Amino acid sequence: MKKYSRRMLAIMLMAGGAAGGALGLVAAPQAAAAGAGADLSIAKAGPALGNAGDPITYQIVVTNYGPDASTGWVVTDQIPTGLLNPNVTTSAANCGQSNGTISCQGGALAVGSSAVISVTGTAGPSGFRMTNTATVDGVEADPDTDNNVSSANTNILPVPMIDPAVGAGVAAAAMVGAGAVFYRRRLGTGTPAL
């Protein structure tokens, strides 16, 4: 019985040591992270598709994932070529524009809190792909810089040109041939026809 108890005790000590070691590995990063700074993340969203001349709005969201509060941060947004008359609005930071770049300086941001910045403009007159990229940098050390850059892509369709000599009917037929679908209404009948 004594021998069995010693063996059980040895197994229990080994298991306890292994468990303690595993718990130590789990607990160590948390203990180290307590003074690691503020993990600031940025997410940028905008329309995937737009027409030339349309208003375009991008939303930038800065979030602090901790473990510490942020005492300050800066968002830099490179205005994409083709976004005309850009304007920035936010209640969370002081923003300005210079040489095609928007810069917003924010203050304190508690753990789990977010700040929202809106960038608006008008899509240029020709078809193109517009890529808008924003970055965030904090005052404190950032334990995860992989989430400090975010981009949004918008494909801008050109405005179709209709030659008055050709007329809208021929242009519409060409659009149907290209795969566009539209409806026209017969006058007086109210019955839609393709």
Protein backbone atom coordinates (compact mmCIF):
# COMPACT_ATOMS: atom_id res chain seq x y z
CA MET A 1 0.00 0.00 0.00
CA LYS A 2 2.87 2.33 0.85
CA LYS A 3 4.52 1.67 -2.51
CA TYR A 4 1.27 2.39 -4.34
CA SER A 5 0.85 5.65 -2.42
CA ARG A 6 4.36 6.79 -3.28
CA ARG A 7 3.78 6.00 -6.94
CA MET A 8 0.49 7.92 -6.90
CA LEU A 9 2.20 10.77 -5.10
CA ALA A 10 4.95 10.84 -7.73
CA ILE A 11 2.37 10.84 -10.55
CA MET A 12 0.40 13.58 -8.83
CA LEU A 13 3.53 15.70 -8.32
CA MET A 14 4.52 15.23 -11.95
CA ALA A 15 1.03 16.12 -13.15
CA GLY A 16 0.92 19.08 -10.81
CA GLY A 17 4.31 20.25 -12.05
CA ALA A 18 3.24 19.87 -15.67
CA ALA A 19 -0.01 21.68 -14.97
CA GLY A 20 1.85 24.37 -13.09
CA GLY A 21 4.24 24.70 -16.01
CA ALA A 22 1.38 24.95 -18.50
CA LEU A 23 -0.36 27.49 -16.30
CA GLY A 24 2.90 29.37 -15.98
CA LEU A 25 3.18 29.57 -19.78
CA VAL A 26 -0.37 30.85 -20.05
CA ALA A 27 -0.01 33.31 -17.18
CA ALA A 28 3.41 34.64 -18.17
CA PRO A 29 2.30 36.53 -21.32
CA GLN A 30 -0.59 38.06 -19.40
CA ALA A 31 1.73 39.23 -16.66
CA ALA A 32 4.17 40.59 -19.23
CA ALA A 33 1.38 42.27 -21.17
CA ALA A 34 0.28 44.30 -18.15
CA GLY A 35 2.84 46.96 -18.96
CA ALA A 36 3.01 46.35 -22.72
CA GLY A 37 1.20 49.52 -23.83
CA ALA A 38 -1.88 50.04 -25.98
CA ASP A 39 -2.77 47.86 -28.96
CA LEU A 40 -4.32 50.38 -31.35
CA SER A 41 -6.14 48.97 -34.36
CA ILE A 42 -7.47 50.78 -37.43
CA ALA A 43 -10.26 49.66 -39.76
CA LYS A 44 -11.23 51.52 -42.92
CA ALA A 45 -14.46 50.89 -44.84
CA GLY A 46 -15.93 52.40 -47.98
CA PRO A 47 -18.11 51.55 -50.97
CA ALA A 48 -16.85 48.78 -53.25
CA LEU A 49 -18.39 50.47 -56.31
CA GLY A 50 -19.27 54.01 -57.34
CA ASN A 51 -19.96 56.13 -60.40
CA ALA A 52 -17.89 59.05 -61.62
CA GLY A 53 -19.21 62.21 -59.98
CA ASP A 54 -20.81 60.38 -57.05
CA PRO A 55 -20.13 61.38 -53.44
CA ILE A 56 -17.87 58.83 -51.74
CA THR A 57 -17.61 58.36 -47.96
CA TYR A 58 -14.98 56.38 -46.06
CA GLN A 59 -15.24 55.51 -42.36
CA ILE A 60 -12.06 55.08 -40.28
CA VAL A 61 -12.42 53.44 -36.86
CA VAL A 62 -9.55 53.47 -34.33
CA THR A 63 -9.96 50.99 -31.45
CA ASN A 64 -7.79 50.45 -28.37
CA TYR A 65 -7.51 46.75 -27.49
CA GLY A 66 -5.29 47.45 -24.46
CA PRO A 67 -4.01 46.27 -22.13
CA ASP A 68 -3.40 49.93 -21.21
CA ALA A 69 -5.26 53.10 -22.04
CA SER A 70 -3.84 55.21 -24.86
CA THR A 71 -2.87 58.77 -24.01
CA GLY A 72 -2.77 59.85 -27.65
CA TRP A 73 -2.71 58.67 -31.26
CA VAL A 74 -2.30 59.93 -34.83
CA VAL A 75 -4.16 58.72 -37.93
CA THR A 76 -2.61 59.39 -41.33
CA ASP A 77 -4.78 58.95 -44.42
CA GLN A 78 -3.27 59.29 -47.88
CA ILE A 79 -5.97 60.85 -50.08
CA PRO A 80 -6.29 58.60 -53.14
CA THR A 81 -5.88 60.00 -56.61
CA GLY A 82 -9.35 60.57 -58.03
CA LEU A 83 -11.07 61.59 -54.77
CA LEU A 84 -11.91 65.23 -55.43
CA ASN A 85 -12.65 67.89 -52.78
CA PRO A 86 -11.84 65.65 -49.79
CA ASN A 87 -13.24 66.66 -46.42
CA VAL A 88 -12.74 65.10 -42.98
CA THR A 89 -15.15 65.18 -40.04
CA THR A 90 -14.80 63.79 -36.51
CA SER A 91 -15.46 64.73 -32.93
CA ALA A 92 -12.62 62.52 -31.69
CA ALA A 93 -9.54 64.29 -33.06
CA ASN A 94 -8.05 67.45 -34.53
CA CYS A 95 -7.62 66.92 -38.27
CA GLY A 96 -5.99 68.80 -41.10
CA GLN A 97 -4.89 68.31 -44.72
CA SER A 98 -1.53 68.96 -46.29
CA ASN A 99 0.03 67.79 -49.59
CA GLY A 100 -2.63 65.15 -50.24
CA THR A 101 -2.54 63.69 -46.72
CA ILE A 102 -5.11 63.90 -43.94
CA SER A 103 -3.66 63.83 -40.43
CA CYS A 104 -5.80 63.47 -37.30
CA GLN A 105 -4.40 63.76 -33.78
CA GLY A 106 -6.54 62.19 -31.05
CA GLY A 107 -6.31 62.27 -27.28
CA ALA A 108 -6.94 59.65 -24.63
CA LEU A 109 -8.61 56.40 -25.70
CA ALA A 110 -9.65 53.94 -22.99
CA VAL A 111 -9.33 50.19 -23.41
CA GLY A 112 -12.23 48.93 -25.54
CA SER A 113 -13.09 52.42 -26.79
CA SER A 114 -13.17 53.57 -30.42
CA ALA A 115 -12.90 56.84 -32.33
CA VAL A 116 -14.59 57.37 -35.72
CA ILE A 117 -13.33 59.59 -38.55
CA SER A 118 -15.27 60.20 -41.79
CA VAL A 119 -13.59 61.18 -45.05
CA THR A 120 -15.84 62.33 -47.88
CA GLY A 121 -15.19 63.47 -51.44
CA THR A 122 -16.37 63.18 -55.01
CA ALA A 123 -15.31 60.44 -57.41
CA GLY A 124 -13.34 61.73 -60.38
CA PRO A 125 -14.72 61.85 -63.92
CA SER A 126 -13.13 58.70 -65.37
CA GLY A 127 -13.23 55.01 -64.52
CA PHE A 128 -10.49 53.77 -62.18
CA ARG A 129 -9.80 51.80 -59.00
CA MET A 130 -9.39 54.01 -55.95
CA THR A 131 -7.39 52.62 -53.01
CA ASN A 132 -7.59 54.52 -49.74
CA THR A 133 -5.11 53.55 -47.01
CA ALA A 134 -4.96 54.81 -43.43
CA THR A 135 -2.50 54.12 -40.59
CA VAL A 136 -2.57 54.71 -36.84
CA ASP A 137 0.35 55.29 -34.45
CA GLY A 138 0.05 55.67 -30.68
CA VAL A 139 2.08 57.40 -27.99
CA GLU A 140 2.49 54.17 -26.04
CA ALA A 141 4.28 51.08 -27.31
CA ASP A 142 1.98 48.95 -29.49
CA PRO A 143 2.23 45.18 -28.84
CA ASP A 144 0.61 44.33 -32.21
CA THR A 145 1.47 46.54 -35.18
CA ASP A 146 -0.09 44.17 -37.73
CA ASN A 147 -3.45 45.92 -37.29
CA ASN A 148 -2.14 49.49 -37.66
CA VAL A 149 -2.83 49.79 -41.42
CA SER A 150 -6.14 49.37 -43.26
CA SER A 151 -7.20 49.94 -46.87
CA ALA A 152 -10.49 50.19 -48.74
CA ASN A 153 -10.83 49.79 -52.52
CA THR A 154 -13.53 51.45 -54.62
CA ASN A 155 -14.02 50.77 -58.32
CA ILE A 156 -15.28 53.93 -60.04
CA LEU A 157 -17.30 53.41 -63.22
CA PRO A 158 -17.03 56.06 -65.93
CA VAL A 159 -20.10 58.04 -66.96
CA PRO A 160 -21.24 56.61 -70.32
CA MET A 161 -21.11 59.14 -73.13
CA ILE A 162 -24.19 59.26 -75.42
CA ASP A 163 -23.69 60.82 -78.81
CA PRO A 164 -26.77 62.96 -79.59
CA ALA A 165 -26.51 61.89 -83.24
CA VAL A 166 -26.81 58.24 -82.22
CA GLY A 167 -29.54 58.76 -79.65
CA ALA A 168 -30.47 57.16 -76.37
CA GLY A 169 -32.26 54.21 -78.03
CA VAL A 170 -29.14 52.96 -79.79
CA ALA A 171 -27.06 53.57 -76.66
CA ALA A 172 -29.59 51.55 -74.61
CA ALA A 173 -29.46 48.71 -77.14
CA ALA A 174 -25.68 48.71 -76.87
CA MET A 175 -25.97 48.50 -73.08
CA VAL A 176 -28.32 45.50 -73.35
CA GLY A 177 -25.82 43.85 -75.67
CA ALA A 178 -23.14 44.45 -73.03
CA GLY A 179 -25.19 42.69 -70.37
CA ALA A 180 -26.98 45.66 -68.77
CA VAL A 181 -30.65 45.18 -67.95
CA PHE A 182 -33.15 48.01 -67.82
CA TYR A 183 -36.88 48.55 -68.24
CA ARG A 184 -38.81 51.03 -70.32
CA ARG A 185 -42.50 51.75 -70.03
CA ARG A 186 -44.85 51.92 -72.97
CA LEU A 187 -46.76 55.14 -72.94
CA GLY A 188 -50.41 54.77 -72.04
CA THR A 189 -50.39 51.02 -71.30
CA GLY A 190 -48.43 50.87 -68.07
CA THR A 191 -47.05 47.49 -69.17
CA PRO A 192 -43.28 47.17 -68.75
CA ALA A 193 -41.44 45.79 -71.73
CA LEU A 194 -37.82 44.83 -72.24
